[in-house]
Amino acid sequence: MRKPATERRAEIMKAADAEFAANGLAGTRLEAIAARVGVSHPRIVQMFGSKRSLFLDVVHAAFDRIEAAFTDAEPTLTGLGDAYGRLLHNEHTIGLVMLQGYAAAADETVREAVKQRQLQLQEVITRLTGADAMQVRTFFATGLVLTVSTLLELPESRADAVWGAWILELAAAPDGSA
């Protein structure tokens, strides 16, 4: 059955999201993505240009979802952190795709694209919350711990969410004390 290009593109992006989350840029084969969708490998190349281009589209989509979650959240560091935690729990591949983007940074094109998205997220955090540079760094460091803890399904007894909220509150205090 022939589908509109926009619908087919969305199907390919969903399949690519799953494959790249699991296998990264180097480990993913376009044939595997094509098989998930029921299209030919050349059709994916025709639509996206290359595996790297498709990977970057998937990475950009992940960053877009993170940015949207931040934009819709309460405009505080804790509010954005809570929104990110919910996003990680609700969209299993988002953290994996983001980490795969960082892991593929040996590729200069990927590194530059991911670097720009990272900087853009930092600007969004600053704009939404008014946080200073140290608070933004603390937010991202805490987010990385939350990402890893969530992806590894570490036991709840570690209370990373509680720890993260404490760290963010500490960073938000004017004198650095809680």
N, C-alpha and C. Protein backbone atom coordinates (compact mmCIF):
# COMPACT_ATOMS: atom_id res chain seq x y z
N MET A 1 0.85 -1.19 0.00
CA MET A 1 0.00 0.00 0.00
C MET A 1 0.89 1.25 0.00
N ARG A 2 0.60 2.14 -0.90
CA ARG A 2 1.34 3.38 -1.01
C ARG A 2 0.81 4.38 0.02
N LYS A 3 1.72 4.98 0.77
CA LYS A 3 1.34 5.94 1.79
C LYS A 3 1.89 7.31 1.42
N PRO A 4 1.28 8.36 1.93
CA PRO A 4 1.82 9.70 1.70
C PRO A 4 3.24 9.79 2.29
N ALA A 5 4.06 10.59 1.66
CA ALA A 5 5.46 10.71 2.08
C ALA A 5 5.60 11.14 3.54
N THR A 6 4.72 12.03 3.99
CA THR A 6 4.81 12.48 5.39
C THR A 6 4.53 11.34 6.36
N GLU A 7 3.56 10.50 6.02
CA GLU A 7 3.25 9.35 6.87
C GLU A 7 4.39 8.34 6.86
N ARG A 8 4.93 8.07 5.69
CA ARG A 8 6.05 7.13 5.57
C ARG A 8 7.27 7.67 6.32
N ARG A 9 7.52 8.95 6.19
CA ARG A 9 8.65 9.57 6.89
C ARG A 9 8.51 9.41 8.41
N ALA A 10 7.30 9.62 8.91
CA ALA A 10 7.06 9.46 10.35
C ALA A 10 7.29 8.01 10.79
N GLU A 11 6.86 7.06 9.98
CA GLU A 11 7.09 5.64 10.29
C GLU A 11 8.59 5.32 10.33
N ILE A 12 9.32 5.85 9.36
CA ILE A 12 10.76 5.61 9.32
C ILE A 12 11.44 6.25 10.52
N MET A 13 11.02 7.46 10.87
CA MET A 13 11.61 8.13 12.04
C MET A 13 11.35 7.33 13.31
N LYS A 14 10.16 6.79 13.46
CA LYS A 14 9.84 5.99 14.65
C LYS A 14 10.71 4.73 14.70
N ALA A 15 10.84 4.06 13.58
CA ALA A 15 11.68 2.86 13.52
C ALA A 15 13.15 3.21 13.75
N ALA A 16 13.59 4.31 13.16
CA ALA A 16 14.98 4.75 13.34
C ALA A 16 15.25 5.13 14.79
N ASP A 17 14.27 5.76 15.44
CA ASP A 17 14.41 6.12 16.85
C ASP A 17 14.71 4.86 17.67
N ALA A 18 13.94 3.81 17.45
CA ALA A 18 14.14 2.55 18.19
C ALA A 18 15.50 1.92 17.86
N GLU A 19 15.85 1.87 16.60
CA GLU A 19 17.12 1.24 16.20
C GLU A 19 18.33 2.03 16.69
N PHE A 20 18.31 3.34 16.50
CA PHE A 20 19.45 4.16 16.93
C PHE A 20 19.56 4.18 18.46
N ALA A 21 18.44 4.17 19.16
CA ALA A 21 18.46 4.13 20.63
C ALA A 21 19.16 2.86 21.10
N ALA A 22 18.87 1.75 20.44
CA ALA A 22 19.42 0.46 20.84
C ALA A 22 20.85 0.25 20.36
N ASN A 23 21.18 0.75 19.17
CA ASN A 23 22.45 0.37 18.54
C ASN A 23 23.39 1.52 18.19
N GLY A 24 22.94 2.75 18.33
CA GLY A 24 23.79 3.88 18.01
C GLY A 24 23.98 4.07 16.51
N LEU A 25 24.74 5.09 16.17
CA LEU A 25 24.99 5.40 14.76
C LEU A 25 25.78 4.29 14.09
N ALA A 26 26.88 3.89 14.69
CA ALA A 26 27.74 2.88 14.06
C ALA A 26 27.10 1.51 13.99
N GLY A 27 26.30 1.16 14.99
CA GLY A 27 25.75 -0.19 15.06
C GLY A 27 24.42 -0.40 14.36
N THR A 28 23.81 0.67 13.89
CA THR A 28 22.51 0.55 13.24
C THR A 28 22.69 0.36 11.74
N ARG A 29 21.90 -0.56 11.20
CA ARG A 29 21.90 -0.79 9.75
C ARG A 29 20.60 -0.24 9.17
N LEU A 30 20.70 0.47 8.08
CA LEU A 30 19.50 0.99 7.43
C LEU A 30 18.55 -0.13 7.04
N GLU A 31 19.11 -1.30 6.73
CA GLU A 31 18.27 -2.45 6.39
C GLU A 31 17.35 -2.84 7.55
N ALA A 32 17.84 -2.70 8.77
CA ALA A 32 17.02 -3.02 9.95
C ALA A 32 15.87 -2.03 10.09
N ILE A 33 16.15 -0.77 9.84
CA ILE A 33 15.10 0.25 9.89
C ILE A 33 14.08 -0.02 8.79
N ALA A 34 14.58 -0.29 7.60
CA ALA A 34 13.70 -0.57 6.46
C ALA A 34 12.80 -1.76 6.75
N ALA A 35 13.35 -2.81 7.35
CA ALA A 35 12.57 -4.01 7.66
C ALA A 35 11.46 -3.71 8.66
N ARG A 36 11.72 -2.85 9.63
CA ARG A 36 10.70 -2.49 10.61
C ARG A 36 9.50 -1.81 9.94
N VAL A 37 9.78 -1.05 8.89
CA VAL A 37 8.74 -0.25 8.25
C VAL A 37 8.15 -0.95 7.03
N GLY A 38 8.90 -1.87 6.47
CA GLY A 38 8.42 -2.56 5.27
C GLY A 38 8.70 -1.77 4.00
N VAL A 39 9.82 -1.08 4.00
CA VAL A 39 10.26 -0.36 2.80
C VAL A 39 11.65 -0.85 2.43
N SER A 40 12.14 -0.40 1.30
CA SER A 40 13.48 -0.79 0.87
C SER A 40 14.52 0.17 1.47
N HIS A 41 15.72 -0.35 1.59
CA HIS A 41 16.85 0.45 2.04
C HIS A 41 17.03 1.67 1.14
N PRO A 42 16.98 1.52 -0.21
CA PRO A 42 17.12 2.70 -1.08
C PRO A 42 16.04 3.76 -0.84
N ARG A 43 14.83 3.34 -0.42
CA ARG A 43 13.77 4.32 -0.14
C ARG A 43 14.15 5.21 1.03
N ILE A 44 14.78 4.62 2.03
CA ILE A 44 15.23 5.43 3.18
C ILE A 44 16.31 6.41 2.73
N VAL A 45 17.24 5.94 1.94
CA VAL A 45 18.30 6.83 1.43
C VAL A 45 17.69 7.94 0.59
N GLN A 46 16.70 7.59 -0.22
CA GLN A 46 16.03 8.59 -1.05
C GLN A 46 15.38 9.66 -0.17
N MET A 47 14.77 9.25 0.93
CA MET A 47 14.05 10.20 1.78
C MET A 47 14.97 10.99 2.71
N PHE A 48 16.05 10.36 3.19
CA PHE A 48 16.88 11.00 4.22
C PHE A 48 18.30 11.32 3.78
N GLY A 49 18.75 10.74 2.68
CA GLY A 49 20.08 11.05 2.18
C GLY A 49 21.16 10.09 2.63
N SER A 50 21.23 9.83 3.91
CA SER A 50 22.26 8.93 4.44
C SER A 50 21.87 8.48 5.84
N LYS A 51 22.58 7.47 6.32
CA LYS A 51 22.34 7.00 7.68
C LYS A 51 22.64 8.11 8.68
N ARG A 52 23.73 8.84 8.46
CA ARG A 52 24.08 9.93 9.38
C ARG A 52 22.99 11.00 9.39
N SER A 53 22.45 11.35 8.23
CA SER A 53 21.38 12.35 8.16
C SER A 53 20.14 11.88 8.92
N LEU A 54 19.78 10.62 8.76
CA LEU A 54 18.64 10.07 9.48
C LEU A 54 18.92 10.07 10.99
N PHE A 55 20.13 9.67 11.38
CA PHE A 55 20.52 9.70 12.79
C PHE A 55 20.37 11.11 13.35
N LEU A 56 20.87 12.09 12.63
CA LEU A 56 20.77 13.47 13.11
C LEU A 56 19.31 13.93 13.19
N ASP A 57 18.48 13.51 12.26
CA ASP A 57 17.05 13.84 12.34
C ASP A 57 16.45 13.25 13.61
N VAL A 58 16.82 12.03 13.95
CA VAL A 58 16.32 11.37 15.16
C VAL A 58 16.83 12.09 16.41
N VAL A 59 18.11 12.46 16.41
CA VAL A 59 18.69 13.18 17.55
C VAL A 59 18.01 14.54 17.71
N HIS A 60 17.83 15.25 16.60
CA HIS A 60 17.14 16.55 16.67
C HIS A 60 15.72 16.39 17.21
N ALA A 61 15.03 15.35 16.78
CA ALA A 61 13.67 15.10 17.28
C ALA A 61 13.67 14.86 18.78
N ALA A 62 14.67 14.15 19.29
CA ALA A 62 14.78 13.91 20.74
C ALA A 62 14.99 15.24 21.47
N PHE A 63 15.91 16.05 20.97
CA PHE A 63 16.15 17.35 21.60
C PHE A 63 14.90 18.23 21.51
N ASP A 64 14.17 18.15 20.39
CA ASP A 64 12.93 18.91 20.27
C ASP A 64 11.91 18.50 21.33
N ARG A 65 11.81 17.19 21.60
CA ARG A 65 10.87 16.72 22.62
C ARG A 65 11.30 17.18 24.01
N ILE A 66 12.59 17.18 24.27
CA ILE A 66 13.08 17.67 25.56
C ILE A 66 12.76 19.16 25.70
N GLU A 67 13.06 19.92 24.66
CA GLU A 67 12.80 21.36 24.70
C GLU A 67 11.30 21.64 24.88
N ALA A 68 10.46 20.88 24.21
CA ALA A 68 9.01 21.05 24.36
C ALA A 68 8.57 20.75 25.80
N ALA A 69 9.14 19.71 26.40
CA ALA A 69 8.81 19.38 27.79
C ALA A 69 9.22 20.52 28.71
N PHE A 70 10.38 21.11 28.47
CA PHE A 70 10.83 22.24 29.28
C PHE A 70 9.91 23.45 29.09
N THR A 71 9.54 23.72 27.87
CA THR A 71 8.70 24.88 27.57
C THR A 71 7.33 24.76 28.22
N ASP A 72 6.82 23.53 28.31
CA ASP A 72 5.50 23.30 28.90
C ASP A 72 5.53 23.18 30.43
N ALA A 73 6.71 23.15 31.01
CA ALA A 73 6.85 22.91 32.46
C ALA A 73 6.76 24.22 33.24
N GLU A 74 6.63 24.04 34.55
CA GLU A 74 6.74 25.18 35.46
C GLU A 74 8.13 25.78 35.26
N PRO A 75 8.25 27.10 35.07
CA PRO A 75 9.54 27.70 34.71
C PRO A 75 10.51 27.87 35.88
N THR A 76 10.78 26.77 36.56
CA THR A 76 11.79 26.73 37.60
C THR A 76 12.71 25.55 37.29
N LEU A 77 13.89 25.55 37.87
CA LEU A 77 14.80 24.42 37.64
C LEU A 77 14.17 23.11 38.10
N THR A 78 13.50 23.14 39.24
CA THR A 78 12.84 21.94 39.74
C THR A 78 11.70 21.52 38.82
N GLY A 79 10.92 22.49 38.35
CA GLY A 79 9.82 22.19 37.44
C GLY A 79 10.32 21.58 36.14
N LEU A 80 11.40 22.11 35.59
CA LEU A 80 11.97 21.56 34.37
C LEU A 80 12.58 20.19 34.62
N GLY A 81 13.20 20.02 35.78
CA GLY A 81 13.76 18.71 36.13
C GLY A 81 12.68 17.65 36.27
N ASP A 82 11.57 18.03 36.89
CA ASP A 82 10.44 17.09 37.02
C ASP A 82 9.88 16.72 35.65
N ALA A 83 9.76 17.71 34.77
CA ALA A 83 9.25 17.46 33.42
C ALA A 83 10.19 16.53 32.65
N TYR A 84 11.48 16.72 32.82
CA TYR A 84 12.45 15.86 32.15
C TYR A 84 12.36 14.43 32.69
N GLY A 85 12.22 14.28 33.99
CA GLY A 85 12.07 12.96 34.59
C GLY A 85 10.84 12.23 34.06
N ARG A 86 9.73 12.95 33.96
CA ARG A 86 8.51 12.35 33.39
C ARG A 86 8.73 11.94 31.93
N LEU A 87 9.41 12.79 31.18
CA LEU A 87 9.68 12.48 29.78
C LEU A 87 10.52 11.22 29.65
N LEU A 88 11.54 11.08 30.48
CA LEU A 88 12.38 9.88 30.45
C LEU A 88 11.58 8.62 30.75
N HIS A 89 10.66 8.73 31.68
CA HIS A 89 9.84 7.57 32.05
C HIS A 89 8.79 7.24 30.98
N ASN A 90 8.27 8.27 30.32
CA ASN A 90 7.20 8.07 29.34
C ASN A 90 7.70 7.74 27.94
N GLU A 91 8.86 8.20 27.60
CA GLU A 91 9.42 7.97 26.25
C GLU A 91 10.77 7.29 26.41
N HIS A 92 10.73 5.98 26.41
CA HIS A 92 11.91 5.17 26.73
C HIS A 92 13.15 5.50 25.89
N THR A 93 12.97 5.83 24.63
CA THR A 93 14.14 6.01 23.77
C THR A 93 14.80 7.38 23.89
N ILE A 94 14.13 8.33 24.48
CA ILE A 94 14.65 9.70 24.46
C ILE A 94 16.03 9.84 25.10
N GLY A 95 16.21 9.27 26.26
CA GLY A 95 17.52 9.34 26.92
C GLY A 95 18.57 8.55 26.17
N LEU A 96 18.18 7.39 25.66
CA LEU A 96 19.12 6.58 24.89
C LEU A 96 19.58 7.29 23.63
N VAL A 97 18.66 7.90 22.91
CA VAL A 97 19.03 8.62 21.69
C VAL A 97 19.95 9.79 22.02
N MET A 98 19.65 10.51 23.08
CA MET A 98 20.50 11.62 23.47
C MET A 98 21.91 11.12 23.80
N LEU A 99 22.00 10.06 24.58
CA LEU A 99 23.32 9.51 24.91
C LEU A 99 24.03 8.97 23.68
N GLN A 100 23.28 8.38 22.75
CA GLN A 100 23.88 7.90 21.50
C GLN A 100 24.42 9.08 20.69
N GLY A 101 23.75 10.21 20.75
CA GLY A 101 24.25 11.42 20.08
C GLY A 101 25.58 11.85 20.66
N TYR A 102 25.70 11.82 21.97
CA TYR A 102 26.98 12.16 22.62
C TYR A 102 28.04 11.12 22.26
N ALA A 103 27.65 9.85 22.25
CA ALA A 103 28.61 8.78 21.96
C ALA A 103 29.14 8.86 20.53
N ALA A 104 28.35 9.40 19.62
CA ALA A 104 28.77 9.48 18.21
C ALA A 104 29.54 10.77 17.92
N ALA A 105 29.92 11.49 18.96
CA ALA A 105 30.59 12.78 18.78
C ALA A 105 31.98 12.69 18.17
N ALA A 106 32.51 11.50 17.97
CA ALA A 106 33.78 11.37 17.25
C ALA A 106 33.59 11.79 15.79
N ASP A 107 32.36 11.67 15.29
CA ASP A 107 32.02 12.13 13.95
C ASP A 107 31.82 13.65 14.04
N GLU A 108 32.63 14.40 13.33
CA GLU A 108 32.62 15.86 13.45
C GLU A 108 31.25 16.48 13.15
N THR A 109 30.58 15.97 12.15
CA THR A 109 29.25 16.50 11.80
C THR A 109 28.26 16.26 12.93
N VAL A 110 28.30 15.07 13.50
CA VAL A 110 27.42 14.76 14.63
C VAL A 110 27.79 15.63 15.83
N ARG A 111 29.09 15.73 16.11
CA ARG A 111 29.54 16.52 17.25
C ARG A 111 29.04 17.96 17.15
N GLU A 112 29.16 18.57 15.98
CA GLU A 112 28.73 19.96 15.82
C GLU A 112 27.22 20.09 15.99
N ALA A 113 26.47 19.17 15.43
CA ALA A 113 25.00 19.23 15.56
C ALA A 113 24.57 19.05 17.01
N VAL A 114 25.14 18.07 17.70
CA VAL A 114 24.77 17.81 19.09
C VAL A 114 25.23 18.97 19.98
N LYS A 115 26.40 19.50 19.69
CA LYS A 115 26.90 20.65 20.46
C LYS A 115 25.94 21.83 20.34
N GLN A 116 25.47 22.10 19.13
CA GLN A 116 24.53 23.21 18.93
C GLN A 116 23.22 22.98 19.67
N ARG A 117 22.73 21.75 19.66
CA ARG A 117 21.49 21.45 20.37
C ARG A 117 21.68 21.55 21.88
N GLN A 118 22.83 21.10 22.37
CA GLN A 118 23.13 21.20 23.80
C GLN A 118 23.16 22.67 24.22
N LEU A 119 23.86 23.49 23.45
CA LEU A 119 23.93 24.91 23.76
C LEU A 119 22.55 25.56 23.69
N GLN A 120 21.75 25.14 22.72
CA GLN A 120 20.40 25.66 22.59
C GLN A 120 19.56 25.31 23.81
N LEU A 121 19.69 24.07 24.30
CA LEU A 121 18.96 23.69 25.52
C LEU A 121 19.41 24.53 26.71
N GLN A 122 20.71 24.80 26.80
CA GLN A 122 21.21 25.63 27.89
C GLN A 122 20.59 27.03 27.82
N GLU A 123 20.47 27.56 26.62
CA GLU A 123 19.85 28.88 26.46
C GLU A 123 18.37 28.83 26.84
N VAL A 124 17.69 27.76 26.49
CA VAL A 124 16.28 27.61 26.84
C VAL A 124 16.13 27.59 28.36
N ILE A 125 16.98 26.82 29.04
CA ILE A 125 16.93 26.75 30.51
C ILE A 125 17.12 28.14 31.11
N THR A 126 18.11 28.86 30.61
CA THR A 126 18.40 30.21 31.12
C THR A 126 17.21 31.14 30.87
N ARG A 127 16.67 31.10 29.68
CA ARG A 127 15.54 31.97 29.33
C ARG A 127 14.31 31.65 30.18
N LEU A 128 14.01 30.38 30.35
CA LEU A 128 12.81 29.99 31.08
C LEU A 128 12.91 30.23 32.57
N THR A 129 14.11 30.02 33.14
CA THR A 129 14.24 30.07 34.60
C THR A 129 15.01 31.26 35.13
N GLY A 130 15.77 31.91 34.28
CA GLY A 130 16.64 32.99 34.76
C GLY A 130 17.87 32.46 35.48
N ALA A 131 18.15 31.18 35.35
CA ALA A 131 19.29 30.57 36.03
C ALA A 131 20.62 31.14 35.52
N ASP A 132 21.60 31.20 36.42
CA ASP A 132 22.93 31.64 36.00
C ASP A 132 23.71 30.44 35.45
N ALA A 133 24.92 30.69 35.00
CA ALA A 133 25.72 29.65 34.33
C ALA A 133 25.96 28.44 35.25
N MET A 134 26.26 28.67 36.52
CA MET A 134 26.51 27.56 37.44
C MET A 134 25.24 26.75 37.68
N GLN A 135 24.12 27.41 37.81
CA GLN A 135 22.87 26.70 38.00
C GLN A 135 22.51 25.86 36.77
N VAL A 136 22.79 26.38 35.59
CA VAL A 136 22.52 25.61 34.36
C VAL A 136 23.43 24.40 34.29
N ARG A 137 24.72 24.58 34.63
CA ARG A 137 25.64 23.42 34.65
C ARG A 137 25.18 22.38 35.66
N THR A 138 24.75 22.84 36.82
CA THR A 138 24.27 21.92 37.86
C THR A 138 23.02 21.20 37.37
N PHE A 139 22.15 21.91 36.69
CA PHE A 139 20.93 21.31 36.14
C PHE A 139 21.29 20.19 35.16
N PHE A 140 22.24 20.45 34.27
CA PHE A 140 22.62 19.43 33.29
C PHE A 140 23.36 18.26 33.93
N ALA A 141 24.18 18.53 34.92
CA ALA A 141 24.87 17.44 35.62
C ALA A 141 23.85 16.56 36.34
N THR A 142 22.89 17.18 36.98
CA THR A 142 21.84 16.44 37.66
C THR A 142 21.01 15.66 36.65
N GLY A 143 20.72 16.27 35.51
CA GLY A 143 19.97 15.61 34.45
C GLY A 143 20.69 14.38 33.92
N LEU A 144 22.01 14.45 33.84
CA LEU A 144 22.77 13.29 33.37
C LEU A 144 22.66 12.14 34.36
N VAL A 145 22.74 12.44 35.65
CA VAL A 145 22.57 11.40 36.68
C VAL A 145 21.17 10.81 36.58
N LEU A 146 20.17 11.66 36.41
CA LEU A 146 18.79 11.18 36.28
C LEU A 146 18.63 10.32 35.03
N THR A 147 19.24 10.73 33.92
CA THR A 147 19.16 9.96 32.67
C THR A 147 19.76 8.58 32.86
N VAL A 148 20.97 8.52 33.39
CA VAL A 148 21.64 7.23 33.57
C VAL A 148 20.87 6.37 34.56
N SER A 149 20.44 6.93 35.66
CA SER A 149 19.70 6.17 36.66
C SER A 149 18.40 5.60 36.09
N THR A 150 17.72 6.40 35.29
CA THR A 150 16.46 5.96 34.70
C THR A 150 16.71 4.87 33.66
N LEU A 151 17.69 5.07 32.79
CA LEU A 151 17.96 4.10 31.74
C LEU A 151 18.46 2.76 32.29
N LEU A 152 19.22 2.84 33.37
CA LEU A 152 19.72 1.61 33.99
C LEU A 152 18.73 0.99 34.95
N GLU A 153 17.60 1.68 35.12
CA GLU A 153 16.56 1.22 36.04
C GLU A 153 17.13 0.92 37.42
N LEU A 154 17.92 1.87 37.92
CA LEU A 154 18.48 1.72 39.25
C LEU A 154 17.36 1.73 40.28
N PRO A 155 17.56 1.04 41.40
CA PRO A 155 16.49 0.93 42.41
C PRO A 155 16.04 2.31 42.91
N GLU A 156 14.75 2.40 43.17
CA GLU A 156 14.18 3.65 43.69
C GLU A 156 14.81 4.08 45.01
N SER A 157 15.39 3.13 45.74
CA SER A 157 15.97 3.48 47.03
C SER A 157 17.12 4.46 46.90
N ARG A 158 17.65 4.57 45.69
CA ARG A 158 18.72 5.55 45.47
C ARG A 158 18.19 6.96 45.53
N ALA A 159 16.89 7.13 45.28
CA ALA A 159 16.20 8.42 45.39
C ALA A 159 16.89 9.50 44.57
N ASP A 160 17.26 9.19 43.33
CA ASP A 160 17.93 10.17 42.50
C ASP A 160 17.07 11.40 42.26
N ALA A 161 15.78 11.24 42.18
CA ALA A 161 14.90 12.39 41.97
C ALA A 161 14.97 13.32 43.18
N VAL A 162 14.95 12.74 44.38
CA VAL A 162 15.04 13.54 45.60
C VAL A 162 16.41 14.21 45.67
N TRP A 163 17.47 13.44 45.37
CA TRP A 163 18.82 13.99 45.37
C TRP A 163 18.92 15.12 44.36
N GLY A 164 18.37 14.90 43.14
CA GLY A 164 18.43 15.92 42.10
C GLY A 164 17.72 17.19 42.52
N ALA A 165 16.55 17.06 43.15
CA ALA A 165 15.83 18.24 43.61
C ALA A 165 16.64 18.98 44.68
N TRP A 166 17.29 18.23 45.57
CA TRP A 166 18.12 18.85 46.60
C TRP A 166 19.28 19.62 45.97
N ILE A 167 19.95 19.01 44.99
CA ILE A 167 21.08 19.67 44.32
C ILE A 167 20.60 20.94 43.62
N LEU A 168 19.46 20.87 42.93
CA LEU A 168 18.95 22.04 42.22
C LEU A 168 18.57 23.14 43.20
N GLU A 169 17.97 22.78 44.32
CA GLU A 169 17.64 23.78 45.33
C GLU A 169 18.91 24.42 45.89
N LEU A 170 19.92 23.61 46.11
CA LEU A 170 21.19 24.09 46.62
C LEU A 170 21.80 25.09 45.63
N ALA A 171 21.78 24.74 44.35
CA ALA A 171 22.34 25.63 43.33
C ALA A 171 21.53 26.91 43.19
N ALA A 172 20.24 26.84 43.50
CA ALA A 172 19.37 28.01 43.36
C ALA A 172 19.50 28.97 44.53
N ALA A 173 20.03 28.49 45.66
CA ALA A 173 20.17 29.35 46.84
C ALA A 173 21.20 30.45 46.54
N PRO A 174 20.87 31.70 46.87
CA PRO A 174 21.78 32.81 46.55
C PRO A 174 23.18 32.68 47.16
N ASP A 175 23.26 32.11 48.37
CA ASP A 175 24.57 32.00 49.02
C ASP A 175 25.16 30.59 48.91
N GLY A 176 24.51 29.70 48.14
CA GLY A 176 25.01 28.34 47.96
C GLY A 176 24.63 27.41 49.08
N SER A 177 23.85 27.88 50.05
CA SER A 177 23.43 26.99 51.14
C SER A 177 21.98 26.59 50.93
N ALA A 178 21.61 25.46 51.48
CA ALA A 178 20.23 24.98 51.33
C ALA A 178 19.32 25.67 52.30
